[in-house]
Amino acid sequence: MRNAPQQARRSALILASFAAIITLLLAGTWLATRQRVEANHAATRAALLAQALPAALFDNDLAASAQPLPEAAAQYLNARPAAQVYLARKAGQPSGMVFEAAAPNGYGGRIELLVGIAANGKVQGVRVLGHKETPGLGDYIDLAVSDWARQFTGRDSKADNRAWRVKKDGGELDYVSGATISARAVAAAVGRVAAYYRDHRQALLQGTP
């Protein structure tokens, strides 16, 4: 029993040594992989942005051009509070932008979007970032599943409401029968982005969203 305190100290020292070694190994792994992880995230973000705004329209680092949307704008676009807008430039001149927005009323809930608009007000691309629509039915809104979202390309932000409605609602957009809610939600969300751009074009192109 007289050796118990000594044994306890020895055990505590061994545990502390193991903890220190594990901590050093974890720290070393994090340092070794950090740059690769950051590079992968940057590449993914750049690829998503390029799907919303063609690379030929800009020569700046689009991902690095992000600016926070004002709170009122984020609310209007149903975006998350920390939503951003990415400002594109070509030869130093404003050439377009990509908005973070959302459709809150998809069949499965919230649908996160990227919407790209050229400086002339024409939609360049719509990319679904996240959704919970029914696989094989409502998920056709995602460019990774079908070309449905390409219907928005070239639509002018000054177009009337029919441009942002499905045909079932008197609009111009095709949809999949039995999955109207998904298309209707995305169409309305893109229309809100177009309207916001139309009404704030000058300030947006000056870099003050």
C-alpha atoms as a PDB file:
ATOM      1  CA  MET A   1       0.000   0.000   0.000  1.00  0.00           C
ATOM      2  CA  ARG A   2       2.963   2.319   0.649  1.00  0.00           C
ATOM      3  CA  ASN A   3       3.696   2.188  -3.118  1.00  0.00           C
ATOM      4  CA  ALA A   4       0.184   3.217  -4.164  1.00  0.00           C
ATOM      5  CA  PRO A   5       0.883   7.007  -4.442  1.00  0.00           C
ATOM      6  CA  GLN A   6       4.016   6.305  -6.453  1.00  0.00           C
ATOM      7  CA  GLN A   7       2.123   3.928  -8.750  1.00  0.00           C
ATOM      8  CA  ALA A   8      -0.628   6.520  -9.215  1.00  0.00           C
ATOM      9  CA  ARG A   9       1.919   9.170 -10.171  1.00  0.00           C
ATOM     10  CA  ARG A  10       3.547   6.762 -12.619  1.00  0.00           C
ATOM     11  CA  SER A  11       0.183   5.933 -14.221  1.00  0.00           C
ATOM     12  CA  ALA A  12      -0.732   9.614 -14.476  1.00  0.00           C
ATOM     13  CA  LEU A  13       2.614  10.362 -16.119  1.00  0.00           C
ATOM     14  CA  ILE A  14       2.124   7.576 -18.652  1.00  0.00           C
ATOM     15  CA  LEU A  15      -1.385   8.791 -19.503  1.00  0.00           C
ATOM     16  CA  ALA A  16      -0.164  12.354 -19.844  1.00  0.00           C
ATOM     17  CA  SER A  17       2.631  11.206 -22.150  1.00  0.00           C
ATOM     18  CA  PHE A  18       0.199   9.294 -24.359  1.00  0.00           C
ATOM     19  CA  ALA A  19      -2.116  12.323 -24.487  1.00  0.00           C
ATOM     20  CA  ALA A  20       0.770  14.597 -25.467  1.00  0.00           C
ATOM     21  CA  ILE A  21       1.922  12.220 -28.195  1.00  0.00           C
ATOM     22  CA  ILE A  22      -1.605  11.879 -29.622  1.00  0.00           C
ATOM     23  CA  THR A  23      -2.073  15.659 -29.549  1.00  0.00           C
ATOM     24  CA  LEU A  24       1.201  16.155 -31.420  1.00  0.00           C
ATOM     25  CA  LEU A  25       0.223  13.544 -34.004  1.00  0.00           C
ATOM     26  CA  LEU A  26      -3.187  15.160 -34.563  1.00  0.00           C
ATOM     27  CA  ALA A  27      -1.626  18.607 -34.835  1.00  0.00           C
ATOM     28  CA  GLY A  28       0.943  17.328 -37.297  1.00  0.00           C
ATOM     29  CA  THR A  29      -1.746  15.680 -39.428  1.00  0.00           C
ATOM     30  CA  TRP A  30      -3.819  18.861 -39.447  1.00  0.00           C
ATOM     31  CA  LEU A  31      -0.824  20.967 -40.481  1.00  0.00           C
ATOM     32  CA  ALA A  32       0.139  18.477 -43.180  1.00  0.00           C
ATOM     33  CA  THR A  33      -3.338  18.349 -44.733  1.00  0.00           C
ATOM     34  CA  ARG A  34      -4.579  21.900 -44.137  1.00  0.00           C
ATOM     35  CA  GLN A  35      -3.328  23.344 -47.406  1.00  0.00           C
ATOM     36  CA  ARG A  36      -4.736  20.434 -49.391  1.00  0.00           C
ATOM     37  CA  VAL A  37      -8.136  20.739 -47.703  1.00  0.00           C
ATOM     38  CA  GLU A  38      -8.212  24.496 -48.272  1.00  0.00           C
ATOM     39  CA  ALA A  39      -7.225  24.005 -51.906  1.00  0.00           C
ATOM     40  CA  ASN A  40      -9.993  21.427 -52.380  1.00  0.00           C
ATOM     41  CA  HIS A  41     -12.582  23.752 -50.832  1.00  0.00           C
ATOM     42  CA  ALA A  42     -11.425  26.615 -53.046  1.00  0.00           C
ATOM     43  CA  ALA A  43     -11.606  24.432 -56.167  1.00  0.00           C
ATOM     44  CA  THR A  44     -15.111  23.225 -55.262  1.00  0.00           C
ATOM     45  CA  ARG A  45     -16.315  26.773 -54.655  1.00  0.00           C
ATOM     46  CA  ALA A  46     -14.794  28.001 -57.925  1.00  0.00           C
ATOM     47  CA  ALA A  47     -16.427  25.139 -59.846  1.00  0.00           C
ATOM     48  CA  LEU A  48     -19.853  25.908 -58.390  1.00  0.00           C
ATOM     49  CA  LEU A  49     -19.520  29.602 -59.169  1.00  0.00           C
ATOM     50  CA  ALA A  50     -18.423  28.815 -62.730  1.00  0.00           C
ATOM     51  CA  GLN A  51     -21.633  26.820 -63.211  1.00  0.00           C
ATOM     52  CA  ALA A  52     -23.641  29.903 -62.296  1.00  0.00           C
ATOM     53  CA  LEU A  53     -21.536  32.379 -64.288  1.00  0.00           C
ATOM     54  CA  PRO A  54     -19.504  31.243 -67.320  1.00  0.00           C
ATOM     55  CA  ALA A  55     -15.766  31.654 -66.892  1.00  0.00           C
ATOM     56  CA  ALA A  56     -15.575  33.610 -70.155  1.00  0.00           C
ATOM     57  CA  LEU A  57     -17.441  36.475 -68.472  1.00  0.00           C
ATOM     58  CA  PHE A  58     -14.802  37.244 -65.851  1.00  0.00           C
ATOM     59  CA  ASP A  59     -11.054  37.302 -65.308  1.00  0.00           C
ATOM     60  CA  ASN A  60     -10.939  38.095 -61.590  1.00  0.00           C
ATOM     61  CA  ASP A  61     -10.925  35.638 -58.695  1.00  0.00           C
ATOM     62  CA  LEU A  62     -14.675  35.311 -58.355  1.00  0.00           C
ATOM     63  CA  ALA A  63     -14.565  33.397 -55.077  1.00  0.00           C
ATOM     64  CA  ALA A  64     -12.342  36.081 -53.523  1.00  0.00           C
ATOM     65  CA  SER A  65     -14.709  38.859 -54.634  1.00  0.00           C
ATOM     66  CA  ALA A  66     -17.455  37.856 -52.200  1.00  0.00           C
ATOM     67  CA  GLN A  67     -19.290  40.599 -50.348  1.00  0.00           C
ATOM     68  CA  PRO A  68     -21.999  40.151 -47.728  1.00  0.00           C
ATOM     69  CA  LEU A  69     -25.529  40.869 -48.841  1.00  0.00           C
ATOM     70  CA  PRO A  70     -27.295  43.511 -46.755  1.00  0.00           C
ATOM     71  CA  GLU A  71     -29.694  42.018 -44.234  1.00  0.00           C
ATOM     72  CA  ALA A  72     -32.739  43.327 -46.107  1.00  0.00           C
ATOM     73  CA  ALA A  73     -31.477  41.819 -49.376  1.00  0.00           C
ATOM     74  CA  ALA A  74     -30.784  38.460 -47.750  1.00  0.00           C
ATOM     75  CA  GLN A  75     -34.295  38.420 -46.335  1.00  0.00           C
ATOM     76  CA  TYR A  76     -35.828  39.337 -49.692  1.00  0.00           C
ATOM     77  CA  LEU A  77     -33.914  36.531 -51.403  1.00  0.00           C
ATOM     78  CA  ASN A  78     -34.769  34.119 -48.559  1.00  0.00           C
ATOM     79  CA  ALA A  79     -31.037  33.598 -48.148  1.00  0.00           C
ATOM     80  CA  ARG A  80     -29.259  32.713 -44.945  1.00  0.00           C
ATOM     81  CA  PRO A  81     -28.184  35.730 -42.804  1.00  0.00           C
ATOM     82  CA  ALA A  82     -24.532  35.444 -43.868  1.00  0.00           C
ATOM     83  CA  ALA A  83     -25.360  35.218 -47.592  1.00  0.00           C
ATOM     84  CA  GLN A  84     -22.932  36.692 -50.091  1.00  0.00           C
ATOM     85  CA  VAL A  85     -22.834  38.102 -53.593  1.00  0.00           C
ATOM     86  CA  TYR A  86     -19.818  37.513 -55.833  1.00  0.00           C
ATOM     87  CA  LEU A  87     -18.800  40.382 -58.110  1.00  0.00           C
ATOM     88  CA  ALA A  88     -17.396  39.485 -61.535  1.00  0.00           C
ATOM     89  CA  ARG A  89     -15.076  41.712 -63.554  1.00  0.00           C
ATOM     90  CA  LYS A  90     -13.635  41.502 -67.051  1.00  0.00           C
ATOM     91  CA  ALA A  91     -10.649  43.708 -67.912  1.00  0.00           C
ATOM     92  CA  GLY A  92     -11.418  45.699 -64.780  1.00  0.00           C
ATOM     93  CA  GLN A  93     -15.052  46.372 -65.672  1.00  0.00           C
ATOM     94  CA  PRO A  94     -18.107  44.922 -63.884  1.00  0.00           C
ATOM     95  CA  SER A  95     -19.374  41.978 -65.925  1.00  0.00           C
ATOM     96  CA  GLY A  96     -21.846  40.215 -63.667  1.00  0.00           C
ATOM     97  CA  MET A  97     -22.451  38.646 -60.293  1.00  0.00           C
ATOM     98  CA  VAL A  98     -23.523  35.502 -58.528  1.00  0.00           C
ATOM     99  CA  PHE A  99     -26.079  35.640 -55.718  1.00  0.00           C
ATOM    100  CA  GLU A 100     -26.617  33.218 -52.890  1.00  0.00           C
ATOM    101  CA  ALA A 101     -30.368  32.762 -52.525  1.00  0.00           C
ATOM    102  CA  ALA A 102     -32.922  30.146 -51.550  1.00  0.00           C
ATOM    103  CA  ALA A 103     -36.401  28.828 -52.216  1.00  0.00           C
ATOM    104  CA  PRO A 104     -37.912  28.220 -48.771  1.00  0.00           C
ATOM    105  CA  ASN A 105     -40.932  26.317 -50.048  1.00  0.00           C
ATOM    106  CA  GLY A 106     -39.697  23.296 -51.962  1.00  0.00           C
ATOM    107  CA  TYR A 107     -41.626  20.048 -51.618  1.00  0.00           C
ATOM    108  CA  GLY A 108     -38.953  18.757 -49.231  1.00  0.00           C
ATOM    109  CA  GLY A 109     -38.215  22.113 -47.662  1.00  0.00           C
ATOM    110  CA  ARG A 110     -35.534  24.689 -48.294  1.00  0.00           C
ATOM    111  CA  ILE A 111     -33.608  24.723 -51.610  1.00  0.00           C
ATOM    112  CA  GLU A 112     -30.263  26.553 -51.573  1.00  0.00           C
ATOM    113  CA  LEU A 113     -29.269  28.265 -54.827  1.00  0.00           C
ATOM    114  CA  LEU A 114     -26.576  30.149 -56.676  1.00  0.00           C
ATOM    115  CA  VAL A 115     -27.924  32.482 -59.379  1.00  0.00           C
ATOM    116  CA  GLY A 116     -25.595  34.150 -61.851  1.00  0.00           C
ATOM    117  CA  ILE A 117     -26.572  37.300 -63.750  1.00  0.00           C
ATOM    118  CA  ALA A 118     -24.500  39.150 -66.346  1.00  0.00           C
ATOM    119  CA  ALA A 119     -24.088  42.917 -66.218  1.00  0.00           C
ATOM    120  CA  ASN A 120     -26.675  43.255 -68.999  1.00  0.00           C
ATOM    121  CA  GLY A 121     -29.274  41.714 -66.682  1.00  0.00           C
ATOM    122  CA  LYS A 122     -29.535  38.299 -68.303  1.00  0.00           C
ATOM    123  CA  VAL A 123     -29.484  35.176 -66.157  1.00  0.00           C
ATOM    124  CA  GLN A 124     -26.424  33.049 -66.892  1.00  0.00           C
ATOM    125  CA  GLY A 125     -26.926  30.033 -64.684  1.00  0.00           C
ATOM    126  CA  VAL A 126     -28.803  28.551 -61.751  1.00  0.00           C
ATOM    127  CA  ARG A 127     -27.065  26.009 -59.521  1.00  0.00           C
ATOM    128  CA  VAL A 128     -28.790  24.083 -56.729  1.00  0.00           C
ATOM    129  CA  LEU A 129     -26.440  23.836 -53.762  1.00  0.00           C
ATOM    130  CA  GLY A 130     -28.647  21.791 -51.489  1.00  0.00           C
ATOM    131  CA  HIS A 131     -32.157  20.363 -51.339  1.00  0.00           C
ATOM    132  CA  LYS A 132     -34.320  17.579 -49.904  1.00  0.00           C
ATOM    133  CA  GLU A 133     -36.562  17.028 -52.906  1.00  0.00           C
ATOM    134  CA  THR A 134     -37.692  13.496 -53.711  1.00  0.00           C
ATOM    135  CA  PRO A 135     -34.970  11.538 -55.555  1.00  0.00           C
ATOM    136  CA  GLY A 136     -36.078  10.562 -59.023  1.00  0.00           C
ATOM    137  CA  LEU A 137     -38.936  13.039 -58.984  1.00  0.00           C
ATOM    138  CA  GLY A 138     -38.405  16.540 -57.608  1.00  0.00           C
ATOM    139  CA  ASP A 139     -34.623  16.464 -57.791  1.00  0.00           C
ATOM    140  CA  TYR A 140     -34.725  17.275 -61.529  1.00  0.00           C
ATOM    141  CA  ILE A 141     -34.233  20.916 -60.483  1.00  0.00           C
ATOM    142  CA  ASP A 142     -30.577  20.065 -59.834  1.00  0.00           C
ATOM    143  CA  LEU A 143     -28.274  20.536 -62.828  1.00  0.00           C
ATOM    144  CA  ALA A 144     -26.412  17.426 -61.714  1.00  0.00           C
ATOM    145  CA  VAL A 145     -29.589  15.415 -62.400  1.00  0.00           C
ATOM    146  CA  SER A 146     -31.145  17.099 -65.447  1.00  0.00           C
ATOM    147  CA  ASP A 147     -30.923  20.131 -67.718  1.00  0.00           C
ATOM    148  CA  TRP A 148     -34.155  21.642 -66.386  1.00  0.00           C
ATOM    149  CA  ALA A 149     -32.387  24.643 -64.797  1.00  0.00           C
ATOM    150  CA  ARG A 150     -30.884  25.635 -68.150  1.00  0.00           C
ATOM    151  CA  GLN A 151     -34.281  27.115 -69.053  1.00  0.00           C
ATOM    152  CA  PHE A 152     -33.303  30.191 -67.051  1.00  0.00           C
ATOM    153  CA  THR A 153     -30.198  30.913 -69.111  1.00  0.00           C
ATOM    154  CA  GLY A 154     -30.636  34.071 -71.164  1.00  0.00           C
ATOM    155  CA  ARG A 155     -33.804  35.249 -69.429  1.00  0.00           C
ATOM    156  CA  ASP A 156     -33.764  38.992 -68.885  1.00  0.00           C
ATOM    157  CA  SER A 157     -34.155  40.388 -65.380  1.00  0.00           C
ATOM    158  CA  LYS A 158     -36.619  42.877 -66.874  1.00  0.00           C
ATOM    159  CA  ALA A 159     -38.907  40.100 -68.117  1.00  0.00           C
ATOM    160  CA  ASP A 160     -42.445  39.954 -66.774  1.00  0.00           C
ATOM    161  CA  ASN A 161     -43.637  37.421 -64.214  1.00  0.00           C
ATOM    162  CA  ARG A 162     -44.352  34.729 -66.821  1.00  0.00           C
ATOM    163  CA  ALA A 163     -40.605  34.217 -67.198  1.00  0.00           C
ATOM    164  CA  TRP A 164     -40.425  33.071 -63.586  1.00  0.00           C
ATOM    165  CA  ARG A 165     -43.465  30.799 -63.495  1.00  0.00           C
ATOM    166  CA  VAL A 166     -44.087  27.256 -64.675  1.00  0.00           C
ATOM    167  CA  LYS A 167     -46.545  26.673 -67.487  1.00  0.00           C
ATOM    168  CA  LYS A 168     -49.088  25.193 -65.097  1.00  0.00           C
ATOM    169  CA  ASP A 169     -49.300  28.652 -63.492  1.00  0.00           C
ATOM    170  CA  GLY A 170     -49.508  30.518 -66.787  1.00  0.00           C
ATOM    171  CA  GLY A 171     -45.760  30.946 -67.126  1.00  0.00           C
ATOM    172  CA  GLU A 172     -43.120  29.891 -69.631  1.00  0.00           C
ATOM    173  CA  LEU A 173     -41.130  27.237 -67.765  1.00  0.00           C
ATOM    174  CA  ASP A 174     -41.473  23.517 -68.331  1.00  0.00           C
ATOM    175  CA  TYR A 175     -41.847  21.204 -65.357  1.00  0.00           C
ATOM    176  CA  VAL A 176     -42.182  17.529 -64.561  1.00  0.00           C
ATOM    177  CA  SER A 177     -45.726  16.365 -63.991  1.00  0.00           C
ATOM    178  CA  GLY A 178     -46.211  15.315 -60.382  1.00  0.00           C
ATOM    179  CA  ALA A 179     -43.317  17.470 -59.183  1.00  0.00           C
ATOM    180  CA  THR A 180     -44.594  20.969 -59.851  1.00  0.00           C
ATOM    181  CA  ILE A 181     -43.833  22.281 -56.368  1.00  0.00           C
ATOM    182  CA  SER A 182     -40.082  21.884 -56.781  1.00  0.00           C
ATOM    183  CA  ALA A 183     -39.985  23.762 -60.090  1.00  0.00           C
ATOM    184  CA  ARG A 184     -42.407  26.410 -58.897  1.00  0.00           C
ATOM    185  CA  ALA A 185     -40.280  27.126 -55.823  1.00  0.00           C
ATOM    186  CA  VAL A 186     -37.012  27.464 -57.752  1.00  0.00           C
ATOM    187  CA  ALA A 187     -38.614  29.552 -60.497  1.00  0.00           C
ATOM    188  CA  ALA A 188     -40.003  32.020 -57.968  1.00  0.00           C
ATOM    189  CA  ALA A 189     -36.649  32.233 -56.171  1.00  0.00           C
ATOM    190  CA  VAL A 190     -34.780  32.966 -59.404  1.00  0.00           C
ATOM    191  CA  GLY A 191     -37.404  35.571 -60.248  1.00  0.00           C
ATOM    192  CA  ARG A 192     -36.763  37.309 -56.931  1.00  0.00           C
ATOM    193  CA  VAL A 193     -33.041  37.435 -57.658  1.00  0.00           C
ATOM    194  CA  ALA A 194     -33.749  38.869 -61.122  1.00  0.00           C
ATOM    195  CA  ALA A 195     -36.067  41.496 -59.652  1.00  0.00           C
ATOM    196  CA  TYR A 196     -33.521  42.444 -57.009  1.00  0.00           C
ATOM    197  CA  TYR A 197     -30.827  42.842 -59.651  1.00  0.00           C
ATOM    198  CA  ARG A 198     -33.158  44.880 -61.862  1.00  0.00           C
ATOM    199  CA  ASP A 199     -34.033  47.266 -59.027  1.00  0.00           C
ATOM    200  CA  HIS A 200     -30.487  47.633 -57.656  1.00  0.00           C
ATOM    201  CA  ARG A 201     -28.391  47.212 -60.784  1.00  0.00           C
ATOM    202  CA  GLN A 202     -26.378  50.416 -60.558  1.00  0.00           C
ATOM    203  CA  ALA A 203     -25.409  49.974 -56.920  1.00  0.00           C
ATOM    204  CA  LEU A 204     -24.608  46.302 -57.459  1.00  0.00           C
ATOM    205  CA  LEU A 205     -22.285  46.965 -60.393  1.00  0.00           C
ATOM    206  CA  GLN A 206     -20.508  49.607 -58.344  1.00  0.00           C
ATOM    207  CA  GLY A 207     -19.802  46.972 -55.735  1.00  0.00           C
ATOM    208  CA  THR A 208     -22.270  48.250 -53.144  1.00  0.00           C
ATOM    209  CA  PRO A 209     -24.992  45.603 -52.878  1.00  0.00           C
END
